[in-house]
């Protein structure tokens, strides 16, 4: 049976967990291992999340700009 892909909400939760753990002084690699993913997966999720955030912000800004003009 194939592995289950996590939902976007679960990915965001895990990314936040790593931020919290590193903020408490835990080394980043240990925090990544604690959430149960590989380092490569963590960084891929982080890049995807930042790209999604920017594209959503750009789309919202375009809509606001269109409404004001």
Protein backbone atom coordinates (compact mmCIF):
# COMPACT_ATOMS: atom_id res chain seq x y z
CA UNK A 1 0.00 0.00 0.00
CA UNK A 2 1.30 3.46 -0.89
CA UNK A 3 2.06 6.12 1.67
CA UNK A 4 -0.63 8.69 2.35
CA UNK A 5 0.11 12.26 1.31
CA UNK A 6 -0.46 14.81 4.04
CA UNK A 7 -3.09 17.49 3.56
CA UNK A 8 -1.93 21.12 3.19
CA UNK A 9 -3.18 21.87 6.71
CA UNK A 10 -1.06 19.05 8.12
CA UNK A 11 1.99 20.31 6.24
CA UNK A 12 1.55 23.82 7.64
CA UNK A 13 1.17 22.38 11.14
CA UNK A 14 4.40 20.40 10.80
CA UNK A 15 6.27 23.42 9.43
CA UNK A 16 5.09 25.46 12.42
CA UNK A 17 6.16 22.68 14.80
CA UNK A 18 9.69 22.88 13.41
CA UNK A 19 9.70 26.66 13.86
CA UNK A 20 8.57 26.30 17.47
CA UNK A 21 11.11 23.59 18.29
CA UNK A 22 13.99 25.52 16.73
CA UNK A 23 12.84 28.61 18.63
CA UNK A 24 13.13 26.61 21.84
CA UNK A 25 16.77 25.83 21.02
CA UNK A 26 16.49 22.43 19.34
CA UNK A 27 18.75 21.98 16.30
CA UNK A 28 16.83 22.18 13.02
CA UNK A 29 17.72 18.65 11.90
CA UNK A 30 16.51 17.17 15.19
CA UNK A 31 13.25 19.13 14.91
CA UNK A 32 12.71 17.88 11.35
CA UNK A 33 13.32 14.30 12.44
CA UNK A 34 10.90 14.74 15.34
CA UNK A 35 8.00 15.63 13.00
CA UNK A 36 8.71 12.44 11.08
CA UNK A 37 9.86 13.65 7.65
CA UNK A 38 13.16 13.76 5.83
CA UNK A 39 15.18 16.93 5.52
CA UNK A 40 14.52 17.00 1.77
CA UNK A 41 10.76 16.74 2.29
CA UNK A 42 10.83 19.54 4.87
CA UNK A 43 12.64 21.94 2.57
CA UNK A 44 10.41 21.01 -0.38
CA UNK A 45 7.30 21.72 1.74
CA UNK A 46 8.82 24.99 2.90
CA UNK A 47 9.46 26.16 -0.67
CA UNK A 48 5.98 25.08 -1.82
CA UNK A 49 4.36 26.86 1.13
CA UNK A 50 6.21 30.10 0.43
CA UNK A 51 5.33 29.98 -3.28
CA UNK A 52 1.68 29.28 -2.50
CA UNK A 53 1.60 32.15 0.01
CA UNK A 54 3.05 34.63 -2.49
CA UNK A 55 0.77 33.53 -5.32
CA UNK A 56 -2.30 33.85 -3.08
CA UNK A 57 -1.17 37.29 -1.93
CA UNK A 58 -0.55 38.40 -5.50
CA UNK A 59 -3.97 37.17 -6.57
CA UNK A 60 -5.65 39.01 -3.68
CA UNK A 61 -3.72 42.19 -4.49
CA UNK A 62 -4.80 42.01 -8.12
CA UNK A 63 -8.43 41.71 -7.13
CA UNK A 64 -8.14 44.66 -4.72
CA UNK A 65 -6.37 46.74 -7.36
CA UNK A 66 -9.08 45.94 -9.92
CA UNK A 67 -11.80 47.01 -7.44
CA UNK A 68 -10.17 50.34 -6.66
CA UNK A 69 -9.64 51.35 -10.30
